[in-house]
């Protein structure tokens, strides 16, 4: 999936900067989560690809140690993916987002509307 490569290359560019945790959350929410959106709308996202997208975002958020092993997350991704009103950070659950975008795309096709 091309979106995975683009997401990973973007993360590699940012890894050289010292970014506080809150800044990494903002980058994940507003930049990284939007990269695969068009692809997810057009062709969907397999469970395997969704997990890989999530893994890249987790690695960027929590960091990796010298051996390349992911540091222990302090909060489960599912909790961070909850809406803010439910105590989460509002991060994207990629599989849910893919399903929602595909439904929107199919609804627009069936209704004869242009897909925006």
C-alpha atoms as a PDB file:
ATOM      1  CA  UNK A   1       0.000   0.000   0.000  1.00  0.00           C
ATOM      2  CA  UNK A   2       1.506   3.309  -1.122  1.00  0.00           C
ATOM      3  CA  UNK A   3      -0.058   5.136   1.813  1.00  0.00           C
ATOM      4  CA  UNK A   4       1.968   2.986   4.214  1.00  0.00           C
ATOM      5  CA  UNK A   5       5.219   3.977   2.500  1.00  0.00           C
ATOM      6  CA  UNK A   6       4.266   7.660   2.502  1.00  0.00           C
ATOM      7  CA  UNK A   7       3.277   7.519   6.165  1.00  0.00           C
ATOM      8  CA  UNK A   8       6.522   5.798   7.104  1.00  0.00           C
ATOM      9  CA  UNK A   9       8.658   8.274   5.134  1.00  0.00           C
ATOM     10  CA  UNK A  10       6.906  11.199   6.855  1.00  0.00           C
ATOM     11  CA  UNK A  11       7.582   9.656  10.267  1.00  0.00           C
ATOM     12  CA  UNK A  12      11.243   9.110   9.407  1.00  0.00           C
ATOM     13  CA  UNK A  13      11.579  12.819   8.576  1.00  0.00           C
ATOM     14  CA  UNK A  14      10.127  13.833  11.950  1.00  0.00           C
ATOM     15  CA  UNK A  15      12.120  11.353  14.039  1.00  0.00           C
ATOM     16  CA  UNK A  16      15.211  13.579  13.835  1.00  0.00           C
ATOM     17  CA  UNK A  17      13.426  16.372  15.696  1.00  0.00           C
ATOM     18  CA  UNK A  18      12.865  16.456  19.409  1.00  0.00           C
ATOM     19  CA  UNK A  19       9.113  16.729  19.684  1.00  0.00           C
ATOM     20  CA  UNK A  20       7.182  16.691  22.940  1.00  0.00           C
ATOM     21  CA  UNK A  21       4.489  14.061  23.355  1.00  0.00           C
ATOM     22  CA  UNK A  22       1.641  16.528  22.824  1.00  0.00           C
ATOM     23  CA  UNK A  23       3.157  17.702  19.518  1.00  0.00           C
ATOM     24  CA  UNK A  24       3.431  14.095  18.326  1.00  0.00           C
ATOM     25  CA  UNK A  25      -0.257  13.544  19.163  1.00  0.00           C
ATOM     26  CA  UNK A  26      -1.185  16.615  17.092  1.00  0.00           C
ATOM     27  CA  UNK A  27       0.944  15.434  14.149  1.00  0.00           C
ATOM     28  CA  UNK A  28      -0.615  11.975  14.263  1.00  0.00           C
ATOM     29  CA  UNK A  29      -4.124  13.373  14.472  1.00  0.00           C
ATOM     30  CA  UNK A  30      -3.875  16.069  11.814  1.00  0.00           C
ATOM     31  CA  UNK A  31      -1.206  14.854   9.381  1.00  0.00           C
ATOM     32  CA  UNK A  32      -0.451  11.144   9.623  1.00  0.00           C
ATOM     33  CA  UNK A  33      -4.058  10.039   9.976  1.00  0.00           C
ATOM     34  CA  UNK A  34      -5.036  12.024   6.873  1.00  0.00           C
ATOM     35  CA  UNK A  35      -2.395  10.566   4.521  1.00  0.00           C
ATOM     36  CA  UNK A  36      -4.190   7.255   3.884  1.00  0.00           C
ATOM     37  CA  UNK A  37      -7.730   8.706   3.875  1.00  0.00           C
ATOM     38  CA  UNK A  38      -8.193   8.901   0.111  1.00  0.00           C
ATOM     39  CA  UNK A  39      -6.848   5.400  -0.451  1.00  0.00           C
ATOM     40  CA  UNK A  40      -9.096   4.059   2.306  1.00  0.00           C
ATOM     41  CA  UNK A  41     -12.108   5.705   0.688  1.00  0.00           C
ATOM     42  CA  UNK A  42     -11.381   4.362  -2.785  1.00  0.00           C
ATOM     43  CA  UNK A  43     -10.146   0.819  -2.136  1.00  0.00           C
ATOM     44  CA  UNK A  44     -10.553   0.234   1.564  1.00  0.00           C
ATOM     45  CA  UNK A  45      -8.033  -0.879   4.094  1.00  0.00           C
ATOM     46  CA  UNK A  46      -7.428  -4.457   5.146  1.00  0.00           C
ATOM     47  CA  UNK A  47      -7.185  -5.338   8.814  1.00  0.00           C
ATOM     48  CA  UNK A  48      -3.477  -6.049   8.282  1.00  0.00           C
ATOM     49  CA  UNK A  49      -2.860  -2.619   6.720  1.00  0.00           C
ATOM     50  CA  UNK A  50      -4.897  -0.898   9.437  1.00  0.00           C
ATOM     51  CA  UNK A  51      -2.781  -2.582  12.100  1.00  0.00           C
ATOM     52  CA  UNK A  52       0.403  -1.552  10.299  1.00  0.00           C
ATOM     53  CA  UNK A  53      -0.786   2.081  10.069  1.00  0.00           C
ATOM     54  CA  UNK A  54      -1.598   1.979  13.766  1.00  0.00           C
ATOM     55  CA  UNK A  55       1.807   0.447  14.513  1.00  0.00           C
ATOM     56  CA  UNK A  56       3.630   3.249  12.665  1.00  0.00           C
ATOM     57  CA  UNK A  57       1.680   5.868  14.614  1.00  0.00           C
ATOM     58  CA  UNK A  58       2.311   4.079  17.930  1.00  0.00           C
ATOM     59  CA  UNK A  59       6.037   3.870  17.191  1.00  0.00           C
ATOM     60  CA  UNK A  60       6.126   7.563  16.387  1.00  0.00           C
ATOM     61  CA  UNK A  61       4.133   8.490  19.491  1.00  0.00           C
ATOM     62  CA  UNK A  62       5.953   6.374  22.076  1.00  0.00           C
ATOM     63  CA  UNK A  63       9.327   5.990  20.360  1.00  0.00           C
ATOM     64  CA  UNK A  64      11.648   3.024  20.068  1.00  0.00           C
ATOM     65  CA  UNK A  65      14.696   2.129  22.134  1.00  0.00           C
ATOM     66  CA  UNK A  66      18.263   1.626  20.876  1.00  0.00           C
ATOM     67  CA  UNK A  67      17.497  -1.943  19.748  1.00  0.00           C
ATOM     68  CA  UNK A  68      14.532  -0.742  17.663  1.00  0.00           C
ATOM     69  CA  UNK A  69      11.972  -2.203  20.060  1.00  0.00           C
ATOM     70  CA  UNK A  70       8.835  -0.177  20.767  1.00  0.00           C
ATOM     71  CA  UNK A  71       8.874   1.466  24.172  1.00  0.00           C
ATOM     72  CA  UNK A  72       6.098   0.329  26.473  1.00  0.00           C
ATOM     73  CA  UNK A  73       2.956   2.361  25.775  1.00  0.00           C
ATOM     74  CA  UNK A  74       1.485   4.086  28.799  1.00  0.00           C
ATOM     75  CA  UNK A  75      -2.038   4.134  27.360  1.00  0.00           C
ATOM     76  CA  UNK A  76      -3.736   1.559  25.103  1.00  0.00           C
ATOM     77  CA  UNK A  77      -4.317   2.735  21.534  1.00  0.00           C
ATOM     78  CA  UNK A  78      -8.020   1.863  21.755  1.00  0.00           C
ATOM     79  CA  UNK A  79      -8.363   4.257  24.702  1.00  0.00           C
ATOM     80  CA  UNK A  80      -6.536   7.030  22.843  1.00  0.00           C
ATOM     81  CA  UNK A  81      -8.743   6.444  19.787  1.00  0.00           C
ATOM     82  CA  UNK A  82     -11.881   7.197  21.803  1.00  0.00           C
ATOM     83  CA  UNK A  83     -13.522  10.595  21.288  1.00  0.00           C
ATOM     84  CA  UNK A  84     -12.442  13.324  23.694  1.00  0.00           C
ATOM     85  CA  UNK A  85     -15.867  13.305  25.297  1.00  0.00           C
ATOM     86  CA  UNK A  86     -15.271   9.688  26.324  1.00  0.00           C
ATOM     87  CA  UNK A  87     -11.828  10.337  27.794  1.00  0.00           C
ATOM     88  CA  UNK A  88      -9.719   9.627  24.708  1.00  0.00           C
ATOM     89  CA  UNK A  89      -7.540  11.816  22.524  1.00  0.00           C
ATOM     90  CA  UNK A  90      -9.675  11.480  19.424  1.00  0.00           C
ATOM     91  CA  UNK A  91      -7.012   9.618  17.432  1.00  0.00           C
ATOM     92  CA  UNK A  92      -8.158   7.634  14.432  1.00  0.00           C
ATOM     93  CA  UNK A  93      -9.010   3.959  14.451  1.00  0.00           C
ATOM     94  CA  UNK A  94      -7.885   3.221  10.894  1.00  0.00           C
ATOM     95  CA  UNK A  95     -10.159   0.232  10.233  1.00  0.00           C
ATOM     96  CA  UNK A  96     -13.256   2.074  11.465  1.00  0.00           C
ATOM     97  CA  UNK A  97     -12.290   5.124   9.404  1.00  0.00           C
ATOM     98  CA  UNK A  98     -11.781   2.964   6.301  1.00  0.00           C
ATOM     99  CA  UNK A  99     -15.209   1.378   6.714  1.00  0.00           C
ATOM    100  CA  UNK A 100     -16.872   4.771   7.216  1.00  0.00           C
ATOM    101  CA  UNK A 101     -15.163   6.312   4.176  1.00  0.00           C
ATOM    102  CA  UNK A 102     -16.095   3.377   1.971  1.00  0.00           C
ATOM    103  CA  UNK A 103     -19.728   3.616   3.081  1.00  0.00           C
ATOM    104  CA  UNK A 104     -19.751   7.332   2.273  1.00  0.00           C
ATOM    105  CA  UNK A 105     -18.212   6.632  -1.137  1.00  0.00           C
ATOM    106  CA  UNK A 106     -20.720   3.879  -1.938  1.00  0.00           C
ATOM    107  CA  UNK A 107     -23.672   5.988  -0.769  1.00  0.00           C
ATOM    108  CA  UNK A 108     -22.587   8.830  -3.045  1.00  0.00           C
ATOM    109  CA  UNK A 109     -22.245   6.452  -6.011  1.00  0.00           C
ATOM    110  CA  UNK A 110     -25.668   4.918  -5.382  1.00  0.00           C
ATOM    111  CA  UNK A 111     -27.244   8.364  -5.050  1.00  0.00           C
ATOM    112  CA  UNK A 112     -25.575   9.521  -8.279  1.00  0.00           C
ATOM    113  CA  UNK A 113     -23.673  12.329  -6.550  1.00  0.00           C
ATOM    114  CA  UNK A 114     -20.081  13.409  -7.064  1.00  0.00           C
ATOM    115  CA  UNK A 115     -17.750  12.074  -4.392  1.00  0.00           C
ATOM    116  CA  UNK A 116     -16.131  14.896  -2.443  1.00  0.00           C
END
